[in-house]
N, C-alpha and C. Protein backbone atom coordinates (compact mmCIF):
# COMPACT_ATOMS: atom_id res chain seq x y z
N MET A 1 0.85 -1.14 -0.03
CA MET A 1 0.04 -0.03 -0.01
C MET A 1 0.89 1.30 -0.01
N ALA A 2 0.50 2.27 -0.78
CA ALA A 2 1.25 3.50 -0.91
C ALA A 2 1.30 4.27 0.45
N GLU A 3 2.39 4.94 0.68
CA GLU A 3 2.43 5.80 1.87
C GLU A 3 1.59 6.98 1.66
N ARG A 4 0.78 7.33 2.77
CA ARG A 4 -0.13 8.42 2.71
C ARG A 4 0.64 9.59 3.25
N LYS A 5 0.68 10.74 2.40
CA LYS A 5 1.35 11.89 2.70
C LYS A 5 0.34 13.07 3.15
N THR A 6 0.84 13.79 4.07
CA THR A 6 -0.03 14.95 4.45
C THR A 6 0.41 16.17 3.69
N LEU A 7 -0.49 17.08 3.53
CA LEU A 7 -0.20 18.35 2.80
C LEU A 7 0.18 19.42 3.74
N THR A 8 1.59 19.65 3.87
CA THR A 8 2.10 20.60 4.71
C THR A 8 2.28 21.87 3.86
N ARG A 9 2.59 23.01 4.49
CA ARG A 9 2.81 24.20 3.75
C ARG A 9 4.00 24.05 2.76
N GLN A 10 5.06 23.45 3.28
CA GLN A 10 6.21 23.26 2.36
C GLN A 10 5.98 22.26 1.20
N ARG A 11 5.13 21.26 1.44
CA ARG A 11 4.85 20.35 0.37
C ARG A 11 3.95 21.07 -0.65
N ALA A 12 3.05 21.90 -0.18
CA ALA A 12 2.14 22.64 -1.12
C ALA A 12 3.00 23.66 -1.92
N ARG A 13 3.98 24.29 -1.33
CA ARG A 13 4.91 25.19 -2.07
C ARG A 13 5.68 24.46 -3.14
N ASN A 14 6.11 23.20 -2.74
CA ASN A 14 6.89 22.45 -3.73
C ASN A 14 6.04 21.98 -4.82
N ILE A 15 4.79 21.56 -4.66
CA ILE A 15 3.88 21.18 -5.66
C ILE A 15 3.62 22.35 -6.56
N LEU A 16 3.34 23.54 -6.06
CA LEU A 16 3.06 24.79 -6.88
C LEU A 16 4.25 25.15 -7.67
N ASN A 17 5.43 25.04 -7.08
CA ASN A 17 6.63 25.44 -7.72
C ASN A 17 6.88 24.50 -8.91
N THR A 18 6.67 23.18 -8.73
CA THR A 18 6.75 22.18 -9.80
C THR A 18 5.83 22.36 -10.92
N ALA A 19 4.55 22.78 -10.47
CA ALA A 19 3.40 22.98 -11.53
C ALA A 19 3.77 24.26 -12.29
N ALA A 20 4.51 25.26 -11.72
CA ALA A 20 4.79 26.41 -12.43
C ALA A 20 5.71 26.11 -13.69
N LYS A 21 6.36 25.05 -13.69
CA LYS A 21 7.27 24.67 -14.85
C LYS A 21 6.55 23.85 -15.76
N ARG A 22 5.24 23.68 -15.70
CA ARG A 22 4.50 22.72 -16.57
C ARG A 22 3.40 23.61 -17.37
N THR A 23 2.87 22.89 -18.35
CA THR A 23 1.62 23.47 -19.01
C THR A 23 0.54 22.51 -18.56
N VAL A 24 -0.60 23.14 -18.19
CA VAL A 24 -1.81 22.47 -17.73
C VAL A 24 -2.93 22.58 -18.82
N LEU A 25 -3.51 21.48 -19.11
CA LEU A 25 -4.69 21.60 -19.98
C LEU A 25 -6.00 21.24 -19.29
N VAL A 26 -6.93 22.18 -19.21
CA VAL A 26 -8.16 21.94 -18.55
C VAL A 26 -9.21 21.68 -19.65
N THR A 27 -9.91 20.52 -19.51
CA THR A 27 -10.87 20.08 -20.43
C THR A 27 -12.24 20.06 -19.84
N GLY A 28 -13.26 20.46 -20.61
CA GLY A 28 -14.65 20.48 -20.06
C GLY A 28 -15.59 21.44 -20.81
N ASP A 29 -16.76 21.59 -20.18
CA ASP A 29 -17.72 22.44 -20.83
C ASP A 29 -17.39 23.89 -20.45
N ALA A 30 -17.51 24.76 -21.35
CA ALA A 30 -17.30 26.21 -21.15
C ALA A 30 -18.66 26.79 -20.89
N MET A 31 -18.98 26.98 -19.65
CA MET A 31 -20.29 27.51 -19.21
C MET A 31 -20.16 28.85 -18.45
N LEU A 32 -21.26 29.53 -18.50
CA LEU A 32 -21.43 30.76 -17.73
C LEU A 32 -22.59 30.54 -16.84
N ASP A 33 -22.35 30.41 -15.51
CA ASP A 33 -23.43 30.30 -14.51
C ASP A 33 -24.24 31.50 -14.36
N GLN A 34 -25.55 31.39 -14.36
CA GLN A 34 -26.39 32.56 -14.22
C GLN A 34 -27.20 32.33 -12.92
N PHE A 35 -27.26 33.42 -12.07
CA PHE A 35 -27.88 33.32 -10.73
C PHE A 35 -29.05 34.41 -10.85
N LEU A 36 -30.18 34.02 -10.38
CA LEU A 36 -31.41 34.92 -10.23
C LEU A 36 -31.58 35.15 -8.75
N TRP A 37 -31.67 36.35 -8.37
CA TRP A 37 -31.86 36.80 -6.96
C TRP A 37 -33.14 37.48 -6.73
N GLY A 38 -33.81 37.16 -5.59
CA GLY A 38 -35.09 37.78 -5.33
C GLY A 38 -35.63 37.26 -3.97
N ASN A 39 -36.92 37.64 -3.75
CA ASN A 39 -37.51 37.26 -2.53
C ASN A 39 -38.58 36.17 -2.86
N VAL A 40 -38.70 35.18 -1.92
CA VAL A 40 -39.77 34.25 -2.03
C VAL A 40 -40.70 34.38 -0.99
N SER A 41 -42.11 34.58 -1.30
CA SER A 41 -43.04 34.75 -0.20
C SER A 41 -44.14 33.60 -0.23
N ARG A 42 -44.06 32.82 -1.23
CA ARG A 42 -45.00 31.75 -1.35
C ARG A 42 -44.55 30.53 -2.23
N ILE A 43 -45.23 29.48 -2.20
CA ILE A 43 -45.00 28.40 -3.04
C ILE A 43 -46.07 28.24 -4.01
N SER A 44 -45.80 27.95 -5.27
CA SER A 44 -46.78 27.90 -6.32
C SER A 44 -47.85 26.86 -6.09
N PRO A 45 -49.14 27.13 -6.31
CA PRO A 45 -50.17 26.12 -6.04
C PRO A 45 -50.09 25.04 -7.19
N GLU A 46 -49.57 25.36 -8.35
CA GLU A 46 -49.54 24.42 -9.47
C GLU A 46 -48.46 23.38 -9.31
N ALA A 47 -47.34 23.75 -8.59
CA ALA A 47 -46.19 22.80 -8.55
C ALA A 47 -45.45 23.22 -7.34
N PRO A 48 -44.74 22.33 -6.72
CA PRO A 48 -44.01 22.63 -5.40
C PRO A 48 -42.69 23.42 -5.78
N VAL A 49 -42.88 24.66 -6.21
CA VAL A 49 -41.74 25.44 -6.61
C VAL A 49 -41.91 26.82 -5.98
N PRO A 50 -40.91 27.50 -5.57
CA PRO A 50 -41.03 28.85 -5.04
C PRO A 50 -41.40 29.87 -6.11
N VAL A 51 -42.27 30.77 -5.76
CA VAL A 51 -42.56 31.95 -6.69
C VAL A 51 -41.56 33.01 -6.25
N VAL A 52 -40.73 33.50 -7.20
CA VAL A 52 -39.62 34.44 -6.82
C VAL A 52 -39.98 35.79 -7.45
N GLU A 53 -39.84 36.81 -6.53
CA GLU A 53 -40.08 38.21 -6.97
C GLU A 53 -38.58 38.65 -7.42
N PHE A 54 -38.44 38.65 -8.67
CA PHE A 54 -37.11 38.85 -9.25
C PHE A 54 -36.59 40.27 -8.87
N GLN A 55 -35.28 40.30 -8.47
CA GLN A 55 -34.69 41.59 -8.11
C GLN A 55 -33.48 41.81 -9.04
N ARG A 56 -32.61 40.84 -9.25
CA ARG A 56 -31.39 41.05 -10.04
C ARG A 56 -30.87 39.73 -10.42
N GLU A 57 -29.90 39.83 -11.37
CA GLU A 57 -29.29 38.61 -11.77
C GLU A 57 -27.73 38.83 -11.80
N SER A 58 -26.98 37.73 -11.67
CA SER A 58 -25.49 37.81 -11.71
C SER A 58 -24.96 36.68 -12.53
N PHE A 59 -23.78 36.79 -13.07
CA PHE A 59 -23.14 35.76 -13.81
C PHE A 59 -21.76 35.50 -13.24
N MET A 60 -21.32 34.16 -13.37
CA MET A 60 -19.99 33.82 -12.91
C MET A 60 -19.44 32.74 -13.83
N PRO A 61 -18.11 32.62 -13.89
CA PRO A 61 -17.57 31.51 -14.72
C PRO A 61 -18.01 30.20 -14.20
N GLY A 62 -18.33 29.21 -15.11
CA GLY A 62 -18.67 27.85 -14.68
C GLY A 62 -17.44 27.17 -14.14
N VAL A 63 -17.55 25.81 -13.91
CA VAL A 63 -16.52 25.07 -13.20
C VAL A 63 -15.19 25.13 -14.05
N MET A 64 -15.20 24.77 -15.34
CA MET A 64 -13.90 24.76 -15.99
C MET A 64 -13.25 26.15 -15.95
N MET A 65 -14.03 27.18 -16.21
CA MET A 65 -13.45 28.46 -16.27
C MET A 65 -12.92 28.94 -14.91
N ALA A 66 -13.61 28.50 -13.85
CA ALA A 66 -13.16 28.83 -12.53
C ALA A 66 -11.84 28.11 -12.25
N VAL A 67 -11.74 26.74 -12.58
CA VAL A 67 -10.53 26.13 -12.45
C VAL A 67 -9.36 26.76 -13.07
N ARG A 68 -9.61 27.26 -14.34
CA ARG A 68 -8.58 28.07 -15.11
C ARG A 68 -8.27 29.32 -14.39
N ALA A 69 -9.22 30.04 -13.91
CA ALA A 69 -8.83 31.37 -13.16
C ALA A 69 -8.08 31.02 -11.96
N VAL A 70 -8.38 29.96 -11.17
CA VAL A 70 -7.65 29.56 -9.88
C VAL A 70 -6.22 29.16 -10.34
N GLY A 71 -6.09 28.37 -11.36
CA GLY A 71 -4.87 27.80 -11.83
C GLY A 71 -3.98 28.88 -12.53
N SER A 72 -4.46 30.00 -12.93
CA SER A 72 -3.72 31.04 -13.61
C SER A 72 -2.87 31.76 -12.60
N ARG A 73 -1.62 31.46 -12.57
CA ARG A 73 -0.64 32.25 -11.69
C ARG A 73 0.58 32.40 -12.36
N PRO A 74 1.44 33.35 -11.97
CA PRO A 74 2.65 33.64 -12.70
C PRO A 74 3.49 32.37 -12.92
N GLY A 75 3.92 32.24 -14.16
CA GLY A 75 4.81 31.01 -14.47
C GLY A 75 4.08 29.74 -14.86
N LEU A 76 2.68 29.66 -14.66
CA LEU A 76 1.99 28.43 -14.93
C LEU A 76 1.15 28.76 -16.24
N THR A 77 1.33 27.95 -17.27
CA THR A 77 0.56 28.13 -18.46
C THR A 77 -0.64 27.17 -18.44
N VAL A 78 -1.79 27.81 -18.49
CA VAL A 78 -3.06 26.98 -18.49
C VAL A 78 -3.79 27.17 -19.82
N GLY A 79 -4.02 26.02 -20.51
CA GLY A 79 -4.80 26.00 -21.82
C GLY A 79 -6.16 25.53 -21.58
N LEU A 80 -7.04 25.84 -22.43
CA LEU A 80 -8.47 25.34 -22.38
C LEU A 80 -8.80 24.53 -23.64
N ASP A 81 -9.42 23.39 -23.35
CA ASP A 81 -10.01 22.55 -24.40
C ASP A 81 -11.49 22.54 -24.18
N LYS A 82 -12.29 23.31 -24.82
CA LYS A 82 -13.63 23.54 -24.37
C LYS A 82 -14.66 22.96 -25.37
N ILE A 83 -15.84 22.76 -24.87
CA ILE A 83 -16.95 22.34 -25.73
C ILE A 83 -18.02 23.37 -25.55
N LEU A 84 -18.49 24.02 -26.56
CA LEU A 84 -19.43 25.08 -26.52
C LEU A 84 -20.81 24.47 -27.17
N GLY A 85 -21.92 24.83 -26.43
CA GLY A 85 -23.21 24.34 -27.05
C GLY A 85 -24.23 25.37 -26.71
N LEU A 86 -25.37 25.26 -27.34
CA LEU A 86 -26.51 26.18 -27.08
C LEU A 86 -27.67 25.38 -26.54
């Protein structure tokens, strides 16, 4: 059985320093997450879903794009292999 290693600060630094010398390819769906914000005061009588009084919306990068954003640091090259769909 393989030895189990803990993630110390020094080990994390070593991993990130090694990754900085590599090119990373992130593969997945290129999505933009949409969030609708508002107040809920009742449940619909037609179906068990909340009736939302819409106030605003916001957008954030989806999972693959968030991984790329987190992985983008000085010295680390991150490429994207994405699938776009409608």
